[in-house]
C-alpha atoms as a PDB file:
ATOM      1  CA  MET A   1       4.048  16.005   1.275  1.00  0.00           C
ATOM      2  CA  LYS A   2       7.111  15.878  -1.038  1.00  0.00           C
ATOM      3  CA  ARG A   3       6.799  12.067  -1.149  1.00  0.00           C
ATOM      4  CA  SER A   4       3.175  12.436  -2.174  1.00  0.00           C
ATOM      5  CA  LEU A   5       4.096  14.835  -4.989  1.00  0.00           C
ATOM      6  CA  ALA A   6       6.798  12.442  -6.206  1.00  0.00           C
ATOM      7  CA  LEU A   7       4.279   9.600  -6.287  1.00  0.00           C
ATOM      8  CA  LEU A   8       1.795  11.818  -8.135  1.00  0.00           C
ATOM      9  CA  ALA A   9       4.468  12.446 -10.777  1.00  0.00           C
ATOM     10  CA  LEU A  10       5.003   8.680 -11.063  1.00  0.00           C
ATOM     11  CA  LEU A  11       1.266   8.189 -11.424  1.00  0.00           C
ATOM     12  CA  ALA A  12       1.060  10.783 -14.203  1.00  0.00           C
ATOM     13  CA  ALA A  13       3.944   9.105 -16.044  1.00  0.00           C
ATOM     14  CA  ALA A  14       2.365   5.611 -15.906  1.00  0.00           C
ATOM     15  CA  PRO A  15       2.193   4.048 -19.383  1.00  0.00           C
ATOM     16  CA  LEU A  16      -1.349   3.632 -20.658  1.00  0.00           C
ATOM     17  CA  ALA A  17      -1.179   0.597 -22.921  1.00  0.00           C
ATOM     18  CA  ALA A  18      -4.202  -0.879 -24.700  1.00  0.00           C
ATOM     19  CA  GLU A  19      -4.723  -3.508 -21.955  1.00  0.00           C
ATOM     20  CA  THR A  20      -4.700  -0.859 -19.216  1.00  0.00           C
ATOM     21  CA  ARG A  21      -7.997  -0.205 -17.397  1.00  0.00           C
ATOM     22  CA  PHE A  22      -8.932   3.168 -15.988  1.00  0.00           C
ATOM     23  CA  GLU A  23     -11.416   3.090 -13.124  1.00  0.00           C
ATOM     24  CA  LEU A  24     -13.199   6.079 -11.619  1.00  0.00           C
ATOM     25  CA  GLY A  25     -15.471   5.572  -8.665  1.00  0.00           C
ATOM     26  CA  TYR A  26     -17.419   6.963  -5.748  1.00  0.00           C
ATOM     27  CA  ALA A  27     -16.450   5.878  -2.237  1.00  0.00           C
ATOM     28  CA  HIS A  28     -18.846   5.675   0.692  1.00  0.00           C
ATOM     29  CA  ILE A  29     -16.608   5.794   3.756  1.00  0.00           C
ATOM     30  CA  ASP A  30     -17.866   4.055   6.874  1.00  0.00           C
ATOM     31  CA  GLU A  31     -19.270   5.800   9.939  1.00  0.00           C
ATOM     32  CA  ILE A  32     -16.942   6.836  12.767  1.00  0.00           C
ATOM     33  CA  ASP A  33     -18.355   8.646  15.827  1.00  0.00           C
ATOM     34  CA  GLY A  34     -21.659   9.078  13.978  1.00  0.00           C
ATOM     35  CA  GLU A  35     -20.089  10.728  10.912  1.00  0.00           C
ATOM     36  CA  THR A  36     -19.759   9.197   7.444  1.00  0.00           C
ATOM     37  CA  THR A  37     -17.972  10.757   4.515  1.00  0.00           C
ATOM     38  CA  GLN A  38     -17.429  10.299   0.773  1.00  0.00           C
ATOM     39  CA  GLY A  39     -14.559  10.189  -1.636  1.00  0.00           C
ATOM     40  CA  LEU A  40     -13.511   9.774  -5.248  1.00  0.00           C
ATOM     41  CA  VAL A  41     -11.190   6.977  -6.333  1.00  0.00           C
ATOM     42  CA  PHE A  42      -9.113   6.841  -9.529  1.00  0.00           C
ATOM     43  CA  SER A  43      -7.209   3.682 -10.504  1.00  0.00           C
ATOM     44  CA  TRP A  44      -5.009   2.596 -13.386  1.00  0.00           C
ATOM     45  CA  VAL A  45      -4.932  -1.201 -13.608  1.00  0.00           C
ATOM     46  CA  LYS A  46      -2.518  -2.987 -15.945  1.00  0.00           C
ATOM     47  CA  PRO A  47      -1.613  -6.672 -16.327  1.00  0.00           C
ATOM     48  CA  ILE A  48       1.948  -7.407 -15.234  1.00  0.00           C
ATOM     49  CA  GLU A  49       3.542  -9.056 -18.257  1.00  0.00           C
ATOM     50  CA  ARG A  50       5.845 -11.476 -16.416  1.00  0.00           C
ATOM     51  CA  TRP A  51       2.905 -12.700 -14.258  1.00  0.00           C
ATOM     52  CA  GLN A  52       0.337 -12.643 -17.061  1.00  0.00           C
ATOM     53  CA  ARG A  53      -0.296 -16.401 -16.922  1.00  0.00           C
ATOM     54  CA  HIS A  54      -1.246 -15.951 -13.228  1.00  0.00           C
ATOM     55  CA  ASP A  55      -3.616 -13.040 -14.085  1.00  0.00           C
ATOM     56  CA  ILE A  56      -1.883 -10.575 -11.728  1.00  0.00           C
ATOM     57  CA  HIS A  57      -2.342  -6.854 -12.361  1.00  0.00           C
ATOM     58  CA  GLY A  58      -0.626  -3.769 -10.950  1.00  0.00           C
ATOM     59  CA  GLU A  59      -2.809  -0.930  -9.675  1.00  0.00           C
ATOM     60  CA  LEU A  60      -1.881   2.721  -9.192  1.00  0.00           C
ATOM     61  CA  LEU A  61      -4.480   4.267  -6.896  1.00  0.00           C
ATOM     62  CA  PHE A  62      -5.394   7.862  -6.044  1.00  0.00           C
ATOM     63  CA  ALA A  63      -8.239   8.771  -3.684  1.00  0.00           C
ATOM     64  CA  ALA A  64      -9.604  12.077  -2.432  1.00  0.00           C
ATOM     65  CA  ILE A  65     -11.487  11.736   0.866  1.00  0.00           C
ATOM     66  CA  ARG A  66     -13.728  14.467   2.277  1.00  0.00           C
ATOM     67  CA  GLY A  67     -13.148  15.490   5.879  1.00  0.00           C
ATOM     68  CA  ARG A  68     -15.802  14.484   8.388  1.00  0.00           C
ATOM     69  CA  GLU A  69     -17.707  17.737   8.956  1.00  0.00           C
ATOM     70  CA  GLY A  70     -19.049  16.865  12.416  1.00  0.00           C
ATOM     71  CA  LEU A  71     -15.642  16.063  13.896  1.00  0.00           C
ATOM     72  CA  PRO A  72     -13.035  18.479  15.324  1.00  0.00           C
ATOM     73  CA  SER A  73      -9.875  19.485  13.452  1.00  0.00           C
ATOM     74  CA  PRO A  74      -7.849  17.826  11.950  1.00  0.00           C
ATOM     75  CA  ASP A  75     -10.477  15.110  11.292  1.00  0.00           C
ATOM     76  CA  ASP A  76     -12.602  17.603   9.341  1.00  0.00           C
ATOM     77  CA  LYS A  77      -9.829  18.161   6.747  1.00  0.00           C
ATOM     78  CA  ASP A  78      -9.834  16.509   3.305  1.00  0.00           C
ATOM     79  CA  GLN A  79      -7.262  13.753   2.780  1.00  0.00           C
ATOM     80  CA  PHE A  80      -5.496  12.385  -0.296  1.00  0.00           C
ATOM     81  CA  LEU A  81      -4.278   8.815  -0.710  1.00  0.00           C
ATOM     82  CA  LEU A  82      -1.755   7.619  -3.274  1.00  0.00           C
ATOM     83  CA  GLY A  83      -0.603   4.014  -3.545  1.00  0.00           C
ATOM     84  CA  TYR A  84       0.414   0.983  -5.547  1.00  0.00           C
ATOM     85  CA  GLY A  85      -0.670  -2.630  -5.186  1.00  0.00           C
ATOM     86  CA  LEU A  86      -1.273  -5.935  -6.897  1.00  0.00           C
ATOM     87  CA  ARG A  87      -4.527  -7.649  -7.867  1.00  0.00           C
ATOM     88  CA  LYS A  88      -4.955 -11.383  -8.421  1.00  0.00           C
ATOM     89  CA  HIS A  89      -7.880 -12.065 -10.764  1.00  0.00           C
ATOM     90  CA  TRP A  90     -10.074 -15.182 -11.037  1.00  0.00           C
ATOM     91  CA  GLY A  91     -12.334 -14.452 -13.975  1.00  0.00           C
ATOM     92  CA  GLY A  92     -14.124 -11.227 -13.035  1.00  0.00           C
ATOM     93  CA  PHE A  93     -13.368 -11.466  -9.305  1.00  0.00           C
ATOM     94  CA  PHE A  94     -10.158 -10.241  -7.686  1.00  0.00           C
ATOM     95  CA  LEU A  95      -8.309  -9.749  -4.399  1.00  0.00           C
ATOM     96  CA  GLY A  96      -5.782  -6.971  -3.995  1.00  0.00           C
ATOM     97  CA  ALA A  97      -3.275  -5.548  -1.532  1.00  0.00           C
ATOM     98  CA  GLY A  98      -0.884  -2.633  -1.610  1.00  0.00           C
ATOM     99  CA  LEU A  99       0.860   0.199   0.195  1.00  0.00           C
ATOM    100  CA  ALA A 100      -0.203   3.845   0.213  1.00  0.00           C
ATOM    101  CA  LEU A 101       0.591   7.267   1.591  1.00  0.00           C
ATOM    102  CA  ILE A 102      -2.173   9.446   3.014  1.00  0.00           C
ATOM    103  CA  GLU A 103      -1.857  13.200   3.612  1.00  0.00           C
ATOM    104  CA  PRO A 104      -2.590  15.001   5.803  1.00  0.00           C
ATOM    105  CA  LYS A 105      -2.725  12.466   8.614  1.00  0.00           C
ATOM    106  CA  ASN A 106      -5.348  12.965  11.306  1.00  0.00           C
ATOM    107  CA  THR A 107      -6.476  11.249  14.495  1.00  0.00           C
ATOM    108  CA  LEU A 108      -8.496   8.682  12.499  1.00  0.00           C
ATOM    109  CA  THR A 109      -5.621   7.471  10.303  1.00  0.00           C
ATOM    110  CA  SER A 110      -2.756   8.311  12.742  1.00  0.00           C
ATOM    111  CA  SER A 111       0.092   7.859  10.238  1.00  0.00           C
ATOM    112  CA  THR A 112       1.094   8.599   6.651  1.00  0.00           C
ATOM    113  CA  GLY A 113       1.834   4.966   5.708  1.00  0.00           C
ATOM    114  CA  GLN A 114      -1.224   2.799   5.025  1.00  0.00           C
ATOM    115  CA  ILE A 115      -2.061  -0.713   3.838  1.00  0.00           C
ATOM    116  CA  VAL A 116      -4.885  -1.030   1.305  1.00  0.00           C
ATOM    117  CA  SER A 117      -6.703  -4.320   0.779  1.00  0.00           C
ATOM    118  CA  SER A 118      -9.447  -4.833  -1.786  1.00  0.00           C
ATOM    119  CA  LEU A 119     -12.042  -7.326  -2.919  1.00  0.00           C
ATOM    120  CA  GLY A 120     -13.898  -6.769  -6.139  1.00  0.00           C
ATOM    121  CA  TRP A 121     -15.461  -7.749  -9.420  1.00  0.00           C
ATOM    122  CA  ALA A 122     -14.684  -6.193 -12.806  1.00  0.00           C
ATOM    123  CA  LYS A 123     -16.260  -6.818 -16.209  1.00  0.00           C
ATOM    124  CA  GLY A 124     -15.779  -4.570 -19.230  1.00  0.00           C
ATOM    125  CA  SER A 125     -16.015  -0.960 -18.085  1.00  0.00           C
ATOM    126  CA  VAL A 126     -17.722  -1.749 -14.742  1.00  0.00           C
ATOM    127  CA  ALA A 127     -16.009  -2.542 -11.439  1.00  0.00           C
ATOM    128  CA  ILE A 128     -17.358  -2.936  -7.905  1.00  0.00           C
ATOM    129  CA  VAL A 129     -14.629  -2.745  -5.275  1.00  0.00           C
ATOM    130  CA  PHE A 130     -14.643  -2.930  -1.475  1.00  0.00           C
ATOM    131  CA  ARG A 131     -11.483  -1.464   0.051  1.00  0.00           C
ATOM    132  CA  HIS A 132     -10.076  -1.297   3.557  1.00  0.00           C
ATOM    133  CA  VAL A 133      -7.407   1.263   4.427  1.00  0.00           C
ATOM    134  CA  SER A 134      -5.452   0.798   7.643  1.00  0.00           C
ATOM    135  CA  ASN A 135      -2.005   1.319   9.116  1.00  0.00           C
ATOM    136  CA  ALA A 136      -2.436  -1.998  11.014  1.00  0.00           C
ATOM    137  CA  ASN A 137      -1.679  -0.008  14.183  1.00  0.00           C
ATOM    138  CA  THR A 138       1.964   0.362  13.075  1.00  0.00           C
ATOM    139  CA  GLY A 139       1.802   4.147  13.525  1.00  0.00           C
ATOM    140  CA  GLY A 140      -0.707   4.568  16.321  1.00  0.00           C
ATOM    141  CA  ASN A 141      -4.401   3.786  16.555  1.00  0.00           C
ATOM    142  CA  ASN A 142      -6.176   3.638  13.195  1.00  0.00           C
ATOM    143  CA  ASP A 143      -9.952   3.986  13.030  1.00  0.00           C
ATOM    144  CA  GLY A 144      -9.850   4.010   9.219  1.00  0.00           C
END
């Protein structure tokens, strides 16, 4: 949990330059054992100056995920994800990948360390993003 708080402090201290995008979104989280859930996702996306000609952006990501009410504890507890990754843009479309911490862990995510991959489209103040969060079975089974 202390690592998560340290990363939250880093997130709060992130510089918000004019070219920085702020994204706020709703997350529909896929069904597991007949139960779906929802979440909120906050991102700060900023072009990386040294890779600007390649259109690569850094992304600080925070997500709050509701526990799955129909599942036993600890899977019914809310989770929080904090991470950093890179996005490669081609016009409005992008691919992204990064590393994240998720707390508290449960039987669905199995470990604190996670890999986040994303595919999306962004134009102006609108973004549509599909994300996959997994530990790639590096810390036990991961249903996502």
